[in-house]
C-alpha cells in the first residue's frame, strides 16, 4: 500500500507530523492492523506525549489478543 510506504519513509526521515497524519488515516481505513497503532505510539512517544503513546500501544495489544469465535 502506497500510503503505508510513505508513512514509514516519513517516520524514518523524522517527519513526525506527516507520518502521524498518514498512520492516523491508515488506522481509519484499516483499524484492525496493530502495526499502525504501534507506529503511531512511537510517534507520540517521540513527541513526548506518553499518554497517547500508551493508548496506542494498548490498542495494538488488544488487536493481538485472539477474539473468541462465535458458535
PDB file of N, CA and C in Angstrom:
ATOM      1  N   UNK A   1       0.849  -1.165   0.000  1.00  0.00           N
ATOM      2  CA  UNK A   1       0.000   0.000   0.000  1.00  0.00           C
ATOM      3  C   UNK A   1       0.906   1.244   0.000  1.00  0.00           C
ATOM      4  N   UNK A   2       0.660   2.112  -0.910  1.00  0.00           N
ATOM      5  CA  UNK A   2       1.485   3.308  -1.095  1.00  0.00           C
ATOM      6  C   UNK A   2       1.488   4.202   0.150  1.00  0.00           C
ATOM      7  N   UNK A   3       0.340   4.397   0.762  1.00  0.00           N
ATOM      8  CA  UNK A   3       0.255   5.268   1.932  1.00  0.00           C
ATOM      9  C   UNK A   3       1.099   4.712   3.079  1.00  0.00           C
ATOM     10  N   UNK A   4       1.095   3.401   3.239  1.00  0.00           N
ATOM     11  CA  UNK A   4       1.874   2.770   4.296  1.00  0.00           C
ATOM     12  C   UNK A   4       3.372   2.983   4.063  1.00  0.00           C
ATOM     13  N   UNK A   5       3.808   2.823   2.836  1.00  0.00           N
ATOM     14  CA  UNK A   5       5.217   3.033   2.498  1.00  0.00           C
ATOM     15  C   UNK A   5       5.624   4.478   2.757  1.00  0.00           C
ATOM     16  N   UNK A   6       4.772   5.401   2.360  1.00  0.00           N
ATOM     17  CA  UNK A   6       5.048   6.820   2.562  1.00  0.00           C
ATOM     18  C   UNK A   6       5.109   7.151   4.051  1.00  0.00           C
ATOM     19  N   UNK A   7       4.233   6.549   4.844  1.00  0.00           N
ATOM     20  CA  UNK A   7       4.230   6.777   6.294  1.00  0.00           C
ATOM     21  C   UNK A   7       5.520   6.261   6.919  1.00  0.00           C
ATOM     22  N   UNK A   8       5.969   5.074   6.506  1.00  0.00           N
ATOM     23  CA  UNK A   8       7.221   4.515   7.029  1.00  0.00           C
ATOM     24  C   UNK A   8       8.410   5.393   6.648  1.00  0.00           C
ATOM     25  N   UNK A   9       8.429   5.865   5.408  1.00  0.00           N
ATOM     26  CA  UNK A   9       9.521   6.722   4.949  1.00  0.00           C
ATOM     27  C   UNK A   9       9.542   8.040   5.730  1.00  0.00           C
ATOM     28  N   UNK A  10       8.375   8.631   5.924  1.00  0.00           N
ATOM     29  CA  UNK A  10       8.292   9.890   6.674  1.00  0.00           C
ATOM     30  C   UNK A  10       8.794   9.697   8.107  1.00  0.00           C
ATOM     31  N   UNK A  11       8.428   8.586   8.725  1.00  0.00           N
ATOM     32  CA  UNK A  11       8.883   8.302  10.080  1.00  0.00           C
ATOM     33  C   UNK A  11      10.406   8.128  10.103  1.00  0.00           C
ATOM     34  N   UNK A  12      10.929   7.382   9.153  1.00  0.00           N
ATOM     35  CA  UNK A  12      12.377   7.157   9.076  1.00  0.00           C
ATOM     36  C   UNK A  12      13.147   8.456   8.863  1.00  0.00           C
ATOM     37  N   UNK A  13      12.535   9.383   8.141  1.00  0.00           N
ATOM     38  CA  UNK A  13      13.171  10.672   7.859  1.00  0.00           C
ATOM     39  C   UNK A  13      12.952  11.684   8.986  1.00  0.00           C
ATOM     40  N   UNK A  14      12.159  11.307   9.988  1.00  0.00           N
ATOM     41  CA  UNK A  14      11.909  12.189  11.117  1.00  0.00           C
ATOM     42  C   UNK A  14      10.784  13.180  10.911  1.00  0.00           C
ATOM     43  N   UNK A  15      10.006  13.005   9.849  1.00  0.00           N
ATOM     44  CA  UNK A  15       8.868  13.877   9.594  1.00  0.00           C
ATOM     45  C   UNK A  15       7.669  13.337  10.383  1.00  0.00           C
ATOM     46  N   UNK A  16       7.660  13.667  11.675  1.00  0.00           N
ATOM     47  CA  UNK A  16       6.659  13.095  12.571  1.00  0.00           C
ATOM     48  C   UNK A  16       5.246  13.559  12.252  1.00  0.00           C
ATOM     49  N   UNK A  17       5.088  14.797  11.863  1.00  0.00           N
ATOM     50  CA  UNK A  17       3.751  15.319  11.527  1.00  0.00           C
ATOM     51  C   UNK A  17       3.153  14.546  10.353  1.00  0.00           C
ATOM     52  N   UNK A  18       3.946  14.402   9.300  1.00  0.00           N
ATOM     53  CA  UNK A  18       3.454  13.699   8.109  1.00  0.00           C
ATOM     54  C   UNK A  18       3.150  12.234   8.430  1.00  0.00           C
ATOM     55  N   UNK A  19       4.071  11.581   9.134  1.00  0.00           N
ATOM     56  CA  UNK A  19       3.852  10.168   9.440  1.00  0.00           C
ATOM     57  C   UNK A  19       2.657   9.994  10.380  1.00  0.00           C
ATOM     58  N   UNK A  20       2.468  10.926  11.327  1.00  0.00           N
ATOM     59  CA  UNK A  20       1.310  10.845  12.217  1.00  0.00           C
ATOM     60  C   UNK A  20       0.019  10.969  11.418  1.00  0.00           C
ATOM     61  N   UNK A  21      -0.023  11.928  10.515  1.00  0.00           N
ATOM     62  CA  UNK A  21      -1.223  12.110   9.690  1.00  0.00           C
ATOM     63  C   UNK A  21      -1.524  10.854   8.869  1.00  0.00           C
ATOM     64  N   UNK A  22      -0.485  10.279   8.280  1.00  0.00           N
ATOM     65  CA  UNK A  22      -0.678   9.096   7.432  1.00  0.00           C
ATOM     66  C   UNK A  22      -1.092   7.872   8.248  1.00  0.00           C
ATOM     67  N   UNK A  23      -0.443   7.650   9.394  1.00  0.00           N
ATOM     68  CA  UNK A  23      -0.832   6.494  10.213  1.00  0.00           C
ATOM     69  C   UNK A  23      -2.242   6.663  10.774  1.00  0.00           C
ATOM     70  N   UNK A  24      -2.626   7.887  11.072  1.00  0.00           N
ATOM     71  CA  UNK A  24      -3.998   8.130  11.525  1.00  0.00           C
ATOM     72  C   UNK A  24      -4.991   7.775  10.423  1.00  0.00           C
ATOM     73  N   UNK A  25      -4.685   8.156   9.196  1.00  0.00           N
ATOM     74  CA  UNK A  25      -5.557   7.817   8.066  1.00  0.00           C
ATOM     75  C   UNK A  25      -5.585   6.307   7.838  1.00  0.00           C
ATOM     76  N   UNK A  26      -4.420   5.662   7.947  1.00  0.00           N
ATOM     77  CA  UNK A  26      -4.370   4.210   7.771  1.00  0.00           C
ATOM     78  C   UNK A  26      -5.214   3.496   8.820  1.00  0.00           C
ATOM     79  N   UNK A  27      -5.182   3.990  10.057  1.00  0.00           N
ATOM     80  CA  UNK A  27      -5.993   3.396  11.122  1.00  0.00           C
ATOM     81  C   UNK A  27      -7.481   3.566  10.814  1.00  0.00           C
ATOM     82  N   UNK A  28      -7.842   4.704  10.251  1.00  0.00           N
ATOM     83  CA  UNK A  28      -9.244   4.907   9.860  1.00  0.00           C
ATOM     84  C   UNK A  28      -9.651   3.926   8.764  1.00  0.00           C
ATOM     85  N   UNK A  29      -8.735   3.656   7.844  1.00  0.00           N
ATOM     86  CA  UNK A  29      -9.035   2.744   6.732  1.00  0.00           C
ATOM     87  C   UNK A  29      -8.978   1.273   7.137  1.00  0.00           C
ATOM     88  N   UNK A  30      -7.992   0.925   7.958  1.00  0.00           N
ATOM     89  CA  UNK A  30      -7.772  -0.476   8.345  1.00  0.00           C
ATOM     90  C   UNK A  30      -7.536  -0.522   9.856  1.00  0.00           C
ATOM     91  N   UNK A  31      -8.589  -0.372  10.645  1.00  0.00           N
ATOM     92  CA  UNK A  31      -8.426  -0.285  12.100  1.00  0.00           C
ATOM     93  C   UNK A  31      -7.991  -1.579  12.782  1.00  0.00           C
ATOM     94  N   UNK A  32      -7.994  -2.683  12.071  1.00  0.00           N
ATOM     95  CA  UNK A  32      -7.617  -3.956  12.681  1.00  0.00           C
ATOM     96  C   UNK A  32      -6.123  -4.266  12.560  1.00  0.00           C
ATOM     97  N   UNK A  33      -5.321  -3.321  12.033  1.00  0.00           N
ATOM     98  CA  UNK A  33      -3.888  -3.551  11.876  1.00  0.00           C
ATOM     99  C   UNK A  33      -3.129  -2.996  13.086  1.00  0.00           C
ATOM    100  N   UNK A  34      -2.612  -3.876  13.962  1.00  0.00           N
ATOM    101  CA  UNK A  34      -1.931  -3.404  15.166  1.00  0.00           C
ATOM    102  C   UNK A  34      -0.633  -2.651  14.874  1.00  0.00           C
ATOM    103  N   UNK A  35      -0.015  -2.923  13.742  1.00  0.00           N
ATOM    104  CA  UNK A  35       1.241  -2.266  13.399  1.00  0.00           C
ATOM    105  C   UNK A  35       1.062  -0.759  13.264  1.00  0.00           C
ATOM    106  N   UNK A  36      -0.052  -0.326  12.725  1.00  0.00           N
ATOM    107  CA  UNK A  36      -0.308   1.109  12.576  1.00  0.00           C
ATOM    108  C   UNK A  36      -0.392   1.790  13.940  1.00  0.00           C
ATOM    109  N   UNK A  37      -1.047   1.134  14.894  1.00  0.00           N
ATOM    110  CA  UNK A  37      -1.133   1.689  16.237  1.00  0.00           C
ATOM    111  C   UNK A  37       0.244   1.711  16.900  1.00  0.00           C
ATOM    112  N   UNK A  38       1.046   0.696  16.631  1.00  0.00           N
ATOM    113  CA  UNK A  38       2.393   0.641  17.198  1.00  0.00           C
ATOM    114  C   UNK A  38       3.235   1.809  16.700  1.00  0.00           C
ATOM    115  N   UNK A  39       3.208   2.036  15.391  1.00  0.00           N
ATOM    116  CA  UNK A  39       3.978   3.160  14.840  1.00  0.00           C
ATOM    117  C   UNK A  39       3.446   4.501  15.331  1.00  0.00           C
ATOM    118  N   UNK A  40       2.146   4.641  15.412  1.00  0.00           N
ATOM    119  CA  UNK A  40       1.572   5.887  15.910  1.00  0.00           C
ATOM    120  C   UNK A  40       1.986   6.110  17.365  1.00  0.00           C
ATOM    121  N   UNK A  41       2.031   5.050  18.134  1.00  0.00           N
ATOM    122  CA  UNK A  41       2.505   5.141  19.510  1.00  0.00           C
ATOM    123  C   UNK A  41       3.947   5.593  19.584  1.00  0.00           C
ATOM    124  N   UNK A  42       4.769   5.087  18.678  1.00  0.00           N
ATOM    125  CA  UNK A  42       6.173   5.506  18.622  1.00  0.00           C
ATOM    126  C   UNK A  42       6.279   7.002  18.325  1.00  0.00           C
ATOM    127  N   UNK A  43       5.450   7.467  17.417  1.00  0.00           N
ATOM    128  CA  UNK A  43       5.452   8.896  17.075  1.00  0.00           C
ATOM    129  C   UNK A  43       5.077   9.725  18.295  1.00  0.00           C
ATOM    130  N   UNK A  44       4.001   9.347  18.976  1.00  0.00           N
ATOM    131  CA  UNK A  44       3.595  10.078  20.171  1.00  0.00           C
ATOM    132  C   UNK A  44       4.702  10.062  21.220  1.00  0.00           C
ATOM    133  N   UNK A  45       5.373   8.925  21.369  1.00  0.00           N
ATOM    134  CA  UNK A  45       6.474   8.818  22.334  1.00  0.00           C
ATOM    135  C   UNK A  45       7.581   9.803  21.965  1.00  0.00           C
ATOM    136  N   UNK A  46       7.944   9.857  20.701  1.00  0.00           N
ATOM    137  CA  UNK A  46       8.990  10.791  20.258  1.00  0.00           C
ATOM    138  C   UNK A  46       8.592  12.244  20.493  1.00  0.00           C
ATOM    139  N   UNK A  47       7.301  12.513  20.419  1.00  0.00           N
ATOM    140  CA  UNK A  47       6.809  13.870  20.642  1.00  0.00           C
ATOM    141  C   UNK A  47       6.634  14.193  22.126  1.00  0.00           C
ATOM    142  N   UNK A  48       6.859  13.193  22.978  1.00  0.00           N
ATOM    143  CA  UNK A  48       6.753  13.396  24.411  1.00  0.00           C
ATOM    144  C   UNK A  48       5.349  13.236  24.965  1.00  0.00           C
ATOM    145  N   UNK A  49       4.431  12.726  24.146  1.00  0.00           N
ATOM    146  CA  UNK A  49       3.048  12.526  24.593  1.00  0.00           C
ATOM    147  C   UNK A  49       2.900  11.071  25.043  1.00  0.00           C
ATOM    148  N   UNK A  50       3.317  10.838  26.276  1.00  0.00           N
ATOM    149  CA  UNK A  50       3.361   9.479  26.808  1.00  0.00           C
ATOM    150  C   UNK A  50       1.964   8.873  26.935  1.00  0.00           C
ATOM    151  N   UNK A  51       0.986   9.680  27.308  1.00  0.00           N
ATOM    152  CA  UNK A  51      -0.375   9.168  27.495  1.00  0.00           C
ATOM    153  C   UNK A  51      -0.929   8.626  26.179  1.00  0.00           C
ATOM    154  N   UNK A  52      -0.801   9.391  25.100  1.00  0.00           N
ATOM    155  CA  UNK A  52      -1.287   8.926  23.795  1.00  0.00           C
ATOM    156  C   UNK A  52      -0.473   7.729  23.304  1.00  0.00           C
ATOM    157  N   UNK A  53       0.818   7.727  23.592  1.00  0.00           N
ATOM    158  CA  UNK A  53       1.661   6.596  23.199  1.00  0.00           C
ATOM    159  C   UNK A  53       1.171   5.318  23.877  1.00  0.00           C
ATOM    160  N   UNK A  54       0.842   5.417  25.159  1.00  0.00           N
ATOM    161  CA  UNK A  54       0.342   4.250  25.892  1.00  0.00           C
ATOM    162  C   UNK A  54      -1.006   3.788  25.353  1.00  0.00           C
ATOM    163  N   UNK A  55      -1.869   4.732  24.982  1.00  0.00           N
ATOM    164  CA  UNK A  55      -3.167   4.374  24.408  1.00  0.00           C
ATOM    165  C   UNK A  55      -2.982   3.601  23.108  1.00  0.00           C
ATOM    166  N   UNK A  56      -2.062   4.049  22.277  1.00  0.00           N
ATOM    167  CA  UNK A  56      -1.812   3.372  21.007  1.00  0.00           C
ATOM    168  C   UNK A  56      -1.255   1.973  21.231  1.00  0.00           C
ATOM    169  N   UNK A  57      -0.333   1.859  22.176  1.00  0.00           N
ATOM    170  CA  UNK A  57       0.234   0.534  22.474  1.00  0.00           C
ATOM    171  C   UNK A  57      -0.831  -0.414  23.013  1.00  0.00           C
ATOM    172  N   UNK A  58      -1.720   0.118  23.842  1.00  0.00           N
ATOM    173  CA  UNK A  58      -2.806  -0.710  24.380  1.00  0.00           C
ATOM    174  C   UNK A  58      -3.746  -1.154  23.260  1.00  0.00           C
ATOM    175  N   UNK A  59      -4.026  -0.252  22.326  1.00  0.00           N
ATOM    176  CA  UNK A  59      -4.892  -0.615  21.189  1.00  0.00           C
ATOM    177  C   UNK A  59      -4.233  -1.692  20.340  1.00  0.00           C
ATOM    178  N   UNK A  60      -2.925  -1.563  20.114  1.00  0.00           N
ATOM    179  CA  UNK A  60      -2.207  -2.572  19.335  1.00  0.00           C
ATOM    180  C   UNK A  60      -2.240  -3.918  20.050  1.00  0.00           C
ATOM    181  N   UNK A  61      -2.003  -3.907  21.351  1.00  0.00           N
ATOM    182  CA  UNK A  61      -2.009  -5.149  22.118  1.00  0.00           C
ATOM    183  C   UNK A  61      -3.379  -5.809  22.112  1.00  0.00           C
ATOM    184  N   UNK A  62      -4.437  -4.997  22.196  1.00  0.00           N
ATOM    185  CA  UNK A  62      -5.791  -5.554  22.192  1.00  0.00           C
ATOM    186  C   UNK A  62      -6.098  -6.245  20.868  1.00  0.00           C
ATOM    187  N   UNK A  63      -5.531  -5.725  19.792  1.00  0.00           N
ATOM    188  CA  UNK A  63      -5.769  -6.350  18.488  1.00  0.00           C
ATOM    189  C   UNK A  63      -5.017  -7.674  18.344  1.00  0.00           C
ATOM    190  N   UNK A  64      -3.980  -7.854  19.127  1.00  0.00           N
ATOM    191  CA  UNK A  64      -3.183  -9.091  19.061  1.00  0.00           C
ATOM    192  C   UNK A  64      -3.774 -10.219  19.885  1.00  0.00           C
ATOM    193  N   UNK A  65      -4.686  -9.891  20.786  1.00  0.00           N
ATOM    194  CA  UNK A  65      -5.327 -10.905  21.634  1.00  0.00           C
ATOM    195  C   UNK A  65      -6.371 -11.621  20.783  1.00  0.00           C
ATOM    196  N   UNK A  66      -6.298 -12.957  20.737  1.00  0.00           N
ATOM    197  CA  UNK A  66      -7.299 -13.704  19.956  1.00  0.00           C
ATOM    198  C   UNK A  66      -8.717 -13.441  20.466  1.00  0.00           C
ATOM    199  N   UNK A  67      -9.605 -13.189  19.548  1.00  0.00           N
ATOM    200  CA  UNK A  67     -11.009 -12.946  19.891  1.00  0.00           C
ATOM    201  C   UNK A  67     -11.761 -14.270  19.893  1.00  0.00           C
ATOM    202  N   UNK A  68     -12.664 -14.446  20.856  1.00  0.00           N
ATOM    203  CA  UNK A  68     -13.450 -15.692  20.872  1.00  0.00           C
ATOM    204  C   UNK A  68     -14.333 -15.770  19.621  1.00  0.00           C
ATOM    205  N   UNK A  69     -14.418 -16.974  19.099  1.00  0.00           N
ATOM    206  CA  UNK A  69     -15.240 -17.187  17.912  1.00  0.00           C
ATOM    207  C   UNK A  69     -16.660 -17.528  18.330  1.00  0.00           C
ATOM    208  N   UNK A  70     -17.607 -16.995  17.589  1.00  0.00           N
ATOM    209  CA  UNK A  70     -18.987 -17.304  17.908  1.00  0.00           C
ATOM    210  C   UNK A  70     -19.341 -18.685  17.347  1.00  0.00           C
ATOM    211  N   UNK A  71     -20.226 -19.386  18.048  1.00  0.00           N
ATOM    212  CA  UNK A  71     -20.578 -20.772  17.633  1.00  0.00           C
ATOM    213  C   UNK A  71     -21.320 -20.834  16.327  1.00  0.00           C
TER     214      UNK A  71
END
